[in-house]
């Protein structure tokens, strides 16, 4: 009977338990591999997302820098145009003021010349009538 028990144990062990244990070990190994693969994929996805965010932030910073440079350039150009227009207006204003002064001086001189002759004419009429 002990022999039969040993034979049954050997047969069960060889034909049933070892194949079942191999299947269980293979499944555990497959699950472990799948978890490692999933962890690796998650880590790669996280690093890719981090890299994407860093590149996006760098691109945004570059864009903001370019916009600031363009804005500064436009403001500088505007300042140059305003300064140029101011200089032109100041020159034109100075020229107009000089023309007005010259015309005013000429008008005064003409009035002074005409005033003497008008004064003489007025005096001669007044004296001519009075006499």
Protein backbone atom coordinates (compact mmCIF):
# COMPACT_ATOMS: atom_id res chain seq x y z
CA UNK A 1 0.00 0.00 0.00
CA UNK A 2 2.84 2.36 0.70
CA UNK A 3 4.13 1.58 -2.75
CA UNK A 4 0.78 2.41 -4.25
CA UNK A 5 0.67 5.65 -2.30
CA UNK A 6 4.17 6.56 -3.49
CA UNK A 7 3.22 5.68 -7.06
CA UNK A 8 0.07 7.82 -6.88
CA UNK A 9 2.03 10.68 -5.36
CA UNK A 10 4.67 10.41 -8.08
CA UNK A 11 2.08 10.26 -10.85
CA UNK A 12 0.02 13.14 -9.40
CA UNK A 13 3.14 15.18 -8.89
CA UNK A 14 4.42 14.52 -12.42
CA UNK A 15 1.15 14.65 -14.33
CA UNK A 16 -0.91 17.22 -12.39
CA UNK A 17 0.96 19.34 -9.87
CA UNK A 18 4.13 20.15 -11.85
CA UNK A 19 2.21 21.25 -14.99
CA UNK A 20 -0.16 23.34 -12.87
CA UNK A 21 2.77 24.91 -11.00
CA UNK A 22 4.54 25.61 -14.33
CA UNK A 23 1.38 27.32 -15.62
CA UNK A 24 1.05 29.34 -12.39
CA UNK A 25 4.75 30.37 -12.56
CA UNK A 26 4.43 31.26 -16.26
CA UNK A 27 1.34 33.34 -15.54
CA UNK A 28 3.05 35.10 -12.61
CA UNK A 29 6.04 35.80 -14.86
CA UNK A 30 3.74 37.15 -17.61
CA UNK A 31 1.94 39.39 -15.09
CA UNK A 32 5.29 40.63 -13.73
CA UNK A 33 6.51 41.35 -17.29
CA UNK A 34 3.27 43.16 -18.15
CA UNK A 35 3.54 45.29 -14.99
CA UNK A 36 7.17 46.12 -15.76
CA UNK A 37 6.23 47.01 -19.33
CA UNK A 38 3.32 49.15 -18.11
CA UNK A 39 5.56 50.89 -15.56
CA UNK A 40 8.18 51.50 -18.24
CA UNK A 41 5.56 52.88 -20.64
CA UNK A 42 4.14 55.12 -17.91
CA UNK A 43 7.62 56.40 -17.07
CA UNK A 44 8.34 57.07 -20.76
CA UNK A 45 4.99 58.85 -21.13
CA UNK A 46 5.71 60.97 -18.06
CA UNK A 47 9.17 61.91 -19.33
CA UNK A 48 7.75 62.65 -22.79
CA UNK A 49 5.06 64.87 -21.25
CA UNK A 50 7.68 66.64 -19.14
CA UNK A 51 9.89 67.16 -22.19
CA UNK A 52 6.88 68.43 -24.18
CA UNK A 53 5.98 70.88 -21.41
CA UNK A 54 9.58 72.10 -21.21
CA UNK A 55 9.75 72.60 -24.98
CA UNK A 56 6.36 74.32 -24.96
CA UNK A 57 7.48 76.63 -22.15
CA UNK A 58 10.72 77.38 -24.02
CA UNK A 59 8.79 78.09 -27.22
CA UNK A 60 6.40 80.39 -25.34
CA UNK A 61 9.32 82.19 -23.71
CA UNK A 62 10.97 82.57 -27.12
CA UNK A 63 7.72 83.87 -28.59
CA UNK A 64 7.31 86.37 -25.75
CA UNK A 65 10.92 87.49 -26.21
CA UNK A 66 10.37 87.96 -29.95
CA UNK A 67 7.16 89.88 -29.30
CA UNK A 68 8.95 92.08 -26.76
CA UNK A 69 11.76 92.73 -29.25
CA UNK A 70 9.25 93.59 -31.98
CA UNK A 71 7.33 95.84 -29.59
CA UNK A 72 10.58 97.55 -28.53
CA UNK A 73 11.60 97.94 -32.15
CA UNK A 74 8.20 99.43 -33.01
CA UNK A 75 8.40 101.79 -30.04
CA UNK A 76 11.92 102.83 -31.06
CA UNK A 77 10.77 103.41 -34.64
CA UNK A 78 7.79 105.39 -33.36
CA UNK A 79 10.09 107.49 -31.14
CA UNK A 80 12.37 108.13 -34.13
CA UNK A 81 9.41 109.17 -36.30
CA UNK A 82 8.06 111.44 -33.57
CA UNK A 83 11.50 112.98 -33.02
CA UNK A 84 11.92 113.51 -36.76
CA UNK A 85 8.47 115.04 -37.04
CA UNK A 86 9.18 117.24 -34.01
CA UNK A 87 12.44 118.47 -35.57
CA UNK A 88 10.67 119.14 -38.88
CA UNK A 89 7.86 121.00 -37.14
CA UNK A 90 10.32 123.01 -35.05
CA UNK A 91 12.25 124.00 -38.20
CA UNK A 92 9.05 124.93 -40.02
CA UNK A 93 7.83 126.84 -36.97
CA UNK A 94 11.13 128.69 -36.69
CA UNK A 95 11.05 129.50 -40.42
CA UNK A 96 7.43 130.69 -40.13
CA UNK A 97 8.30 132.80 -37.08
CA UNK A 98 11.25 134.30 -38.97
CA UNK A 99 8.98 135.06 -41.95
CA UNK A 100 6.40 136.65 -39.65
CA UNK A 101 9.14 138.74 -37.98
CA UNK A 102 10.53 139.76 -41.36
CA UNK A 103 7.08 140.64 -42.72
CA UNK A 104 6.32 142.49 -39.48
CA UNK A 105 9.59 144.45 -39.76
CA UNK A 106 8.87 145.21 -43.41
CA UNK A 107 5.34 146.32 -42.55
CA UNK A 108 6.66 148.55 -39.74
CA UNK A 109 9.25 150.04 -42.09
CA UNK A 110 6.57 150.64 -44.73
CA UNK A 111 4.31 152.21 -42.08
CA UNK A 112 7.19 154.38 -40.88
CA UNK A 113 7.85 155.55 -44.46
CA UNK A 114 4.17 156.06 -45.16
CA UNK A 115 3.60 157.70 -41.76
CA UNK A 116 6.05 160.49 -42.57
CA UNK A 117 4.41 161.28 -45.91
CA UNK A 118 0.92 160.89 -44.43
CA UNK A 119 1.86 163.17 -41.56
CA UNK A 120 3.16 165.75 -44.04
CA UNK A 121 -0.03 165.49 -46.10
CA UNK A 122 -2.19 165.81 -42.99
CA UNK A 123 -0.18 168.80 -41.78
CA UNK A 124 -0.36 170.52 -45.16
CA UNK A 125 -4.12 169.97 -45.38
CA UNK A 126 -4.70 171.09 -41.86
CA UNK A 127 -2.44 174.11 -42.31
CA UNK A 128 -3.75 174.75 -45.78
CA UNK A 129 -7.30 174.93 -44.52
CA UNK A 130 -6.37 176.85 -41.47
CA UNK A 131 -4.61 179.54 -43.44
